Amino acid sequence: MASSINDFRRSKLFRAAIIVPTVIALIFSIFNLTAPNDPEKISSNFKLGIVNLDTSTSFPLVSTQAIKAISRSLPFRVGLFKDSETAKTALSNGEISSVIIFPEDFSEQALGKKSINVKVINSDHLTASETQIASQLPSTFQLGLSAFISNLRLAKSQNLAPSSEMPIQVELENLYEAKSLASTPSPFVMSFITWLSAMVGSVLLFLATNQMTLLNRAYVRTVIPVMTMGASSLVLAIVVTLTTMQWEVFFLSWIFSWFICVCLSWLFLGMFSTVGLLALLLIVPIVFYQPALSGTVIPLTAAPEWLELIGGSVPFDSIGRAYRSVIFGSSGGLPLLWLGSAAFIGLLLNWGSDILRGRMKRRW
């Protein structure tokens, strides 16, 4: 089959079909893994605006004690404002990320028996990280302040001095700990690059071999993905290893991504061989919905219902789980049944369609 490779090399898209998948793996992985988000840094840059309208006669003000407790317990920066309008203006200008307002009679209500209304103001026009943190604050404030007020009321009923210490101390154990900032986004980056490289590489290879004889192009479409995806996966594994500083994951990263890329490439090429570039109408959405379908950015159950339904029928998230097992050492492995089935279907479509076309030509 040396003549098949020689025919392929004469194609104008030969170099692109060989090089582009590796370039995609290199560029995408470098840009995403060399600048990972630091959750602690994001939290420390979240600024909470506090408006204390409490004018109760009790001393010290319960609201002041609550503000001190919030400042100690939350990893946010805190800014105090005289009134709600000033705080809203600061929120509108992006100077703060959220506002909590203590009512005028907060201390009196805190020492009573009724529930207290504390207002929180958020805005969705800020950065995605600020919006996500702010959306969780109402429930966080409700739990924290409720515990604080309950402790205060209990101490008052027993004529004891209130204690600022929490009655429950949490002992944290992290089962699978990220060894670097780049470790956390690595499964998503690897999953997305796998799908993207397979798609782009398959398109270029399909176009580059379209003018070849039927059986020669079927052969090239079978052999070349093994080489191109091997190089692409090797580059991806090197970047992942260097950015995460986890030298032990290099081999598995390479083998896993190589195997997955080849299986997906064969499937895509089989679809292209059967219906041409119309297959992109199905392939492109699947590739670009991977942040939701792969289970590496959000759980599949948190995706929109229609995507969850698709992900429940075809376990795209099993690939993301395999990459998580590589990076974190968690349970999981290659979904051999699904990938093997995809590869078999792709090869069957690839060879079957060309053999069928060849026989039809001979008949005519």
Protein backbone atom coordinates (compact mmCIF):
# COMPACT_ATOMS: atom_id res chain seq x y z
CA MET A 1 0.00 0.00 0.00
CA ALA A 2 2.98 2.35 -0.45
CA SER A 3 1.29 3.72 -3.58
CA SER A 4 -1.68 4.82 -1.44
CA ILE A 5 0.57 6.89 0.81
CA ASN A 6 2.34 8.37 -2.22
CA ASP A 7 -1.02 9.38 -3.73
CA PHE A 8 -1.95 10.97 -0.42
CA ARG A 9 1.33 12.91 -0.27
CA ARG A 10 0.55 14.55 -3.63
CA SER A 11 -2.61 16.11 -2.19
CA LYS A 12 -2.56 19.87 -1.56
CA LEU A 13 -3.98 19.23 1.92
CA PHE A 14 -1.39 16.61 2.83
CA ARG A 15 0.65 18.82 5.16
CA ALA A 16 -2.42 20.33 6.77
CA ALA A 17 -3.95 16.91 7.42
CA ILE A 18 -0.72 15.74 9.06
CA ILE A 19 0.22 18.86 11.05
CA VAL A 20 -2.99 20.63 12.07
CA PRO A 21 -4.18 18.10 14.74
CA THR A 22 -0.83 18.44 16.51
CA VAL A 23 -0.93 22.24 16.26
CA ILE A 24 -4.43 22.25 17.78
CA ALA A 25 -3.26 20.09 20.69
CA LEU A 26 -0.22 22.31 21.26
CA ILE A 27 -1.92 25.71 21.10
CA PHE A 28 -5.13 24.84 22.93
CA SER A 29 -3.39 22.96 25.75
CA ILE A 30 -0.75 25.64 26.29
CA PHE A 31 -3.22 28.51 26.45
CA ASN A 32 -5.59 26.67 28.81
CA LEU A 33 -3.11 24.97 31.12
CA THR A 34 -0.55 27.76 31.56
CA ALA A 35 -3.15 30.20 32.92
CA PRO A 36 -5.49 28.13 35.13
CA ASN A 37 -7.93 29.79 37.51
CA ASP A 38 -6.90 29.95 41.16
CA PRO A 39 -10.07 29.50 43.31
CA GLU A 40 -8.41 31.06 46.37
CA LYS A 41 -7.29 34.10 44.41
CA ILE A 42 -10.74 34.49 42.86
CA SER A 43 -12.40 34.35 46.29
CA SER A 44 -9.94 36.80 47.81
CA ASN A 45 -10.72 39.30 45.04
CA PHE A 46 -14.47 39.06 45.61
CA LYS A 47 -15.47 42.24 47.46
CA LEU A 48 -18.56 42.19 49.64
CA GLY A 49 -20.29 45.47 50.35
CA ILE A 50 -21.99 45.76 53.75
CA VAL A 51 -24.58 48.38 54.66
CA ASN A 52 -25.35 48.55 58.37
CA LEU A 53 -28.54 50.55 58.97
CA ASP A 54 -28.86 49.22 62.51
CA THR A 55 -29.83 52.05 64.91
CA SER A 56 -30.81 49.89 67.87
CA THR A 57 -30.04 51.10 71.37
CA SER A 58 -28.33 47.89 72.50
CA PHE A 59 -24.57 47.96 72.93
CA PRO A 60 -22.58 46.48 71.39
CA LEU A 61 -24.73 46.27 68.28
CA VAL A 62 -25.46 42.69 67.28
CA SER A 63 -25.08 43.73 63.64
CA THR A 64 -21.50 44.85 64.34
CA GLN A 65 -20.70 41.49 65.91
CA ALA A 66 -22.30 39.73 62.92
CA ILE A 67 -20.21 41.79 60.49
CA LYS A 68 -17.04 40.87 62.36
CA ALA A 69 -18.05 37.19 62.25
CA ILE A 70 -18.66 37.43 58.48
CA SER A 71 -15.30 39.12 57.93
CA ARG A 72 -13.49 36.37 59.82
CA SER A 73 -15.30 33.39 58.32
CA LEU A 74 -15.52 34.31 54.62
CA PRO A 75 -12.45 34.62 52.34
CA PHE A 76 -13.74 37.87 50.84
CA ARG A 77 -12.70 41.48 51.04
CA VAL A 78 -15.27 43.59 52.86
CA GLY A 79 -16.26 47.20 52.26
CA LEU A 80 -18.60 49.23 54.49
CA PHE A 81 -21.14 51.68 53.03
CA LYS A 82 -23.33 54.26 54.76
CA ASP A 83 -26.49 53.64 52.75
CA SER A 84 -27.92 51.21 50.20
CA GLU A 85 -27.90 53.69 47.29
CA THR A 86 -24.15 54.22 47.57
CA ALA A 87 -23.62 50.47 47.73
CA LYS A 88 -25.85 49.91 44.68
CA THR A 89 -23.86 52.49 42.73
CA ALA A 90 -20.61 50.74 43.67
CA LEU A 91 -22.12 47.41 42.61
CA SER A 92 -23.27 48.90 39.31
CA ASN A 93 -19.76 50.24 38.68
CA GLY A 94 -18.19 46.85 39.47
CA GLU A 95 -16.35 48.19 42.54
CA ILE A 96 -17.96 45.48 44.70
CA SER A 97 -19.46 42.10 43.83
CA SER A 98 -22.44 41.82 46.18
CA VAL A 99 -24.22 43.78 48.92
CA ILE A 100 -25.74 42.70 52.23
CA ILE A 101 -27.97 45.16 54.09
CA PHE A 102 -28.72 44.93 57.83
CA PRO A 103 -32.09 46.55 58.72
CA GLU A 104 -32.48 49.40 61.22
CA ASP A 105 -33.88 47.20 64.00
CA PHE A 106 -31.53 44.24 63.46
CA SER A 107 -30.18 44.13 67.03
CA GLU A 108 -33.64 44.35 68.57
CA GLN A 109 -34.97 41.57 66.34
CA ALA A 110 -31.86 39.47 66.98
CA LEU A 111 -32.52 39.57 70.72
CA GLY A 112 -36.17 38.74 70.17
CA LYS A 113 -37.86 35.58 68.95
CA LYS A 114 -39.02 36.42 65.43
CA SER A 115 -37.19 35.81 62.18
CA ILE A 116 -35.10 38.63 60.72
CA ASN A 117 -35.09 39.87 57.14
CA VAL A 118 -31.61 40.66 55.80
CA LYS A 119 -31.40 41.90 52.21
CA VAL A 120 -28.79 40.74 49.70
CA ILE A 121 -28.30 42.53 46.38
CA ASN A 122 -26.55 40.74 43.50
CA SER A 123 -26.02 41.55 39.85
CA ASP A 124 -25.44 39.33 36.83
CA HIS A 125 -23.52 41.96 34.85
CA LEU A 126 -20.22 41.18 36.59
CA THR A 127 -17.67 38.50 35.67
CA ALA A 128 -18.81 34.87 35.58
CA SER A 129 -16.82 33.96 38.70
CA GLU A 130 -18.27 36.87 40.70
CA THR A 131 -21.79 36.02 39.55
CA GLN A 132 -21.39 32.36 40.52
CA ILE A 133 -20.04 33.19 43.98
CA ALA A 134 -22.70 35.85 44.56
CA SER A 135 -25.51 33.45 43.62
CA GLN A 136 -24.49 31.19 46.51
CA LEU A 137 -24.21 33.96 49.10
CA PRO A 138 -27.89 34.23 50.15
CA SER A 139 -27.98 30.63 51.38
CA THR A 140 -24.49 30.99 52.93
CA PHE A 141 -25.51 34.15 54.80
CA GLN A 142 -28.76 32.58 55.92
CA LEU A 143 -27.03 29.58 57.44
CA GLY A 144 -24.18 31.55 59.00
CA LEU A 145 -26.28 34.35 60.46
CA SER A 146 -28.93 31.90 61.66
CA ALA A 147 -26.29 29.98 63.61
CA PHE A 148 -24.91 33.24 65.01
CA ILE A 149 -28.33 34.52 66.10
CA SER A 150 -29.39 31.15 67.53
CA ASN A 151 -26.23 31.06 69.64
CA LEU A 152 -26.88 34.61 70.80
CA ARG A 153 -30.48 33.91 71.79
CA LEU A 154 -29.52 30.71 73.60
CA ALA A 155 -26.88 32.57 75.62
CA LYS A 156 -29.39 35.28 76.49
CA SER A 157 -31.97 32.74 77.70
CA GLN A 158 -29.36 31.18 79.99
CA ASN A 159 -27.92 34.53 81.15
CA LEU A 160 -24.55 33.67 79.68
CA ALA A 161 -22.13 35.72 77.63
CA PRO A 162 -22.51 34.84 73.93
CA SER A 163 -19.61 32.98 72.38
CA SER A 164 -18.30 33.79 68.91
CA GLU A 165 -16.92 30.27 68.44
CA MET A 166 -18.82 27.90 66.19
CA PRO A 167 -20.18 24.85 68.03
CA ILE A 168 -19.19 22.62 65.09
CA GLN A 169 -15.64 22.36 63.78
CA VAL A 170 -15.24 20.69 60.39
CA GLU A 171 -12.31 18.40 59.69
CA LEU A 172 -11.57 18.40 55.97
CA GLU A 173 -10.19 15.39 54.12
CA ASN A 174 -9.54 15.67 50.38
CA LEU A 175 -9.79 12.24 48.77
CA TYR A 176 -8.17 13.17 45.44
CA GLU A 177 -6.16 16.35 45.71
CA ALA A 178 -5.07 18.43 42.72
CA LYS A 179 -1.28 18.58 42.70
CA SER A 180 -1.19 21.91 40.88
CA LEU A 181 -3.53 24.61 39.58
CA ALA A 182 -3.29 23.11 36.09
CA SER A 183 -4.45 19.70 37.33
CA THR A 184 -8.04 20.83 37.83
CA PRO A 185 -8.79 21.95 34.24
CA SER A 186 -6.64 19.21 32.67
CA PRO A 187 -9.44 16.61 32.23
CA PHE A 188 -11.59 19.17 30.38
CA VAL A 189 -8.69 20.36 28.22
CA MET A 190 -7.73 16.79 27.34
CA SER A 191 -11.33 15.82 26.58
CA PHE A 192 -12.04 18.86 24.41
CA ILE A 193 -8.73 18.61 22.53
CA THR A 194 -9.43 14.94 21.87
CA TRP A 195 -12.75 15.71 20.20
CA LEU A 196 -11.53 18.85 18.42
CA SER A 197 -8.35 17.26 17.03
CA ALA A 198 -10.28 14.21 15.85
CA MET A 199 -12.88 16.38 14.12
CA VAL A 200 -10.48 18.79 12.38
CA GLY A 201 -8.02 16.04 11.49
CA SER A 202 -10.82 13.93 10.02
CA VAL A 203 -12.17 16.80 7.93
CA LEU A 204 -8.74 17.58 6.48
CA LEU A 205 -7.95 13.93 5.84
CA PHE A 206 -11.34 13.40 4.18
CA LEU A 207 -10.79 16.36 1.85
CA ALA A 208 -7.16 15.43 1.14
CA THR A 209 -8.09 11.87 0.09
CA ASN A 210 -11.33 12.62 -1.72
CA GLN A 211 -9.80 12.37 -5.21
CA MET A 212 -7.96 9.12 -4.56
CA THR A 213 -9.13 5.74 -5.80
CA LEU A 214 -11.73 4.17 -3.53
CA LEU A 215 -9.76 1.41 -1.81
CA ASN A 216 -6.59 3.51 -1.58
CA ARG A 217 -8.39 6.29 0.26
CA ALA A 218 -10.09 3.80 2.57
CA TYR A 219 -6.65 2.46 3.44
CA VAL A 220 -5.19 5.95 3.99
CA ARG A 221 -8.18 6.97 6.14
CA THR A 222 -7.51 3.93 8.31
CA VAL A 223 -3.75 4.24 8.70
CA ILE A 224 -3.03 7.98 8.78
CA PRO A 225 -5.17 8.75 11.90
CA VAL A 226 -3.04 6.34 13.91
CA MET A 227 0.05 8.43 13.07
CA THR A 228 -1.41 11.95 13.21
CA MET A 229 -3.36 11.34 16.42
CA GLY A 230 -0.32 9.68 17.94
CA ALA A 231 1.69 12.87 17.38
CA SER A 232 -1.17 15.10 18.56
CA SER A 233 -1.66 13.02 21.71
CA LEU A 234 2.07 13.00 22.40
CA VAL A 235 2.18 16.81 22.34
CA LEU A 236 -0.90 16.97 24.56
CA ALA A 237 0.63 14.54 27.06
CA ILE A 238 3.88 16.55 27.17
CA VAL A 239 2.07 19.84 27.83
CA VAL A 240 -0.17 18.25 30.50
CA THR A 241 2.83 16.70 32.21
CA LEU A 242 4.87 19.90 32.20
CA THR A 243 2.05 22.19 33.37
CA THR A 244 0.72 19.90 36.09
CA MET A 245 4.20 18.77 37.17
CA GLN A 246 2.84 15.22 37.38
CA TRP A 247 5.48 13.18 35.60
CA GLU A 248 3.75 9.93 36.47
CA VAL A 249 0.74 10.69 34.25
CA PHE A 250 2.68 11.14 31.00
CA PHE A 251 2.37 7.60 29.64
CA LEU A 252 -1.30 7.11 30.50
CA SER A 253 -2.16 10.60 29.21
CA TRP A 254 -0.56 9.74 25.89
CA ILE A 255 -2.03 6.25 25.54
CA PHE A 256 -5.55 7.25 26.65
CA SER A 257 -5.76 10.32 24.41
CA TRP A 258 -4.17 8.46 21.48
CA PHE A 259 -6.62 5.58 21.67
CA ILE A 260 -9.63 7.88 22.07
CA CYS A 261 -8.52 10.18 19.23
CA VAL A 262 -8.03 7.27 16.82
CA CYS A 263 -11.42 5.75 17.63
CA LEU A 264 -13.20 9.09 17.21
CA SER A 265 -11.28 9.83 13.99
CA TRP A 266 -12.31 6.50 12.47
CA LEU A 267 -15.93 7.17 13.46
CA PHE A 268 -15.90 10.68 11.97
CA LEU A 269 -14.18 9.52 8.77
CA GLY A 270 -16.75 6.76 8.39
CA MET A 271 -19.52 9.33 8.69
CA PHE A 272 -17.79 11.61 6.17
CA SER A 273 -17.28 8.70 3.76
CA THR A 274 -20.99 7.95 3.92
CA VAL A 275 -22.72 11.35 3.83
CA GLY A 276 -19.84 13.75 3.15
CA LEU A 277 -19.41 17.01 5.03
CA LEU A 278 -23.09 16.94 6.00
CA ALA A 279 -21.87 14.84 8.92
CA LEU A 280 -20.56 18.08 10.45
CA LEU A 281 -24.16 18.99 11.26
CA LEU A 282 -24.02 16.25 13.90
CA ILE A 283 -20.31 16.22 14.76
CA VAL A 284 -19.79 19.96 15.40
CA PRO A 285 -22.53 20.31 18.05
CA ILE A 286 -21.30 17.19 19.85
CA VAL A 287 -17.73 18.53 19.91
CA PHE A 288 -18.58 22.02 21.10
CA TYR A 289 -21.08 20.84 23.71
CA GLN A 290 -18.32 18.81 25.40
CA PRO A 291 -18.01 21.28 28.34
CA ALA A 292 -21.47 20.06 29.34
CA LEU A 293 -21.46 16.51 27.95
CA SER A 294 -17.98 15.45 29.12
CA GLY A 295 -18.73 15.88 32.82
CA THR A 296 -15.39 17.66 33.32
CA VAL A 297 -16.69 21.23 33.78
CA ILE A 298 -20.10 20.53 35.30
CA PRO A 299 -21.84 17.29 36.29
CA LEU A 300 -23.96 15.90 33.48
CA THR A 301 -27.01 16.18 35.73
CA ALA A 302 -26.41 19.95 35.93
CA ALA A 303 -26.58 20.34 32.14
CA PRO A 304 -29.79 21.48 30.40
CA GLU A 305 -32.39 18.73 30.33
CA TRP A 306 -32.08 18.02 26.61
CA LEU A 307 -28.29 17.69 26.89
CA GLU A 308 -28.65 15.51 29.96
CA LEU A 309 -30.99 13.28 27.96
CA ILE A 310 -28.39 12.95 25.17
CA GLY A 311 -25.59 12.34 27.67
CA GLY A 312 -27.68 9.71 29.41
CA SER A 313 -28.19 7.85 26.14
CA VAL A 314 -24.59 8.04 24.91
CA PRO A 315 -22.09 8.22 27.80
CA PHE A 316 -19.85 11.02 26.54
CA ASP A 317 -18.88 11.66 30.15
CA SER A 318 -17.11 8.30 30.32
CA ILE A 319 -14.23 9.87 28.38
CA GLY A 320 -14.05 12.73 30.87
CA ARG A 321 -14.12 10.21 33.71
CA ALA A 322 -11.21 8.34 32.13
CA TYR A 323 -9.14 11.53 31.95
CA ARG A 324 -10.00 12.37 35.57
CA SER A 325 -8.75 8.93 36.59
CA VAL A 326 -5.44 9.67 34.85
CA ILE A 327 -4.89 13.07 36.49
CA PHE A 328 -6.27 12.37 39.97
CA GLY A 329 -5.86 8.60 40.29
CA SER A 330 -9.58 8.17 40.86
CA SER A 331 -11.63 5.17 39.79
CA GLY A 332 -12.38 4.91 36.11
CA GLY A 333 -10.85 3.70 32.89
CA LEU A 334 -11.24 3.74 29.14
CA PRO A 335 -14.81 3.01 27.98
CA LEU A 336 -13.54 0.23 25.73
CA LEU A 337 -16.98 -1.02 24.71
CA TRP A 338 -18.19 2.38 23.50
CA LEU A 339 -14.92 3.40 21.88
CA GLY A 340 -14.49 -0.01 20.26
CA SER A 341 -18.03 0.17 18.91
CA ALA A 342 -17.41 3.67 17.56
CA ALA A 343 -14.19 2.54 15.87
CA PHE A 344 -15.86 -0.55 14.39
CA ILE A 345 -18.80 1.46 13.01
CA GLY A 346 -16.42 4.04 11.55
CA LEU A 347 -14.21 1.45 9.83
CA LEU A 348 -17.28 -0.41 8.58
CA LEU A 349 -18.72 2.78 7.06
CA ASN A 350 -15.33 3.80 5.67
CA TRP A 351 -14.52 0.53 3.91
CA GLY A 352 -18.10 -0.51 3.23
CA SER A 353 -19.10 2.70 1.47
CA ASP A 354 -16.00 2.67 -0.77
CA ILE A 355 -16.34 -1.04 -1.60
CA LEU A 356 -20.01 -0.52 -2.41
CA ARG A 357 -19.23 2.47 -4.63
CA GLY A 358 -16.52 0.48 -6.40
CA ARG A 359 -18.91 -2.37 -7.22
CA MET A 360 -21.57 0.03 -8.43
CA LYS A 361 -19.05 1.69 -10.77
CA ARG A 362 -18.02 -1.63 -12.21
CA ARG A 363 -21.63 -2.56 -12.90
CA TRP A 364 -22.23 0.64 -14.79
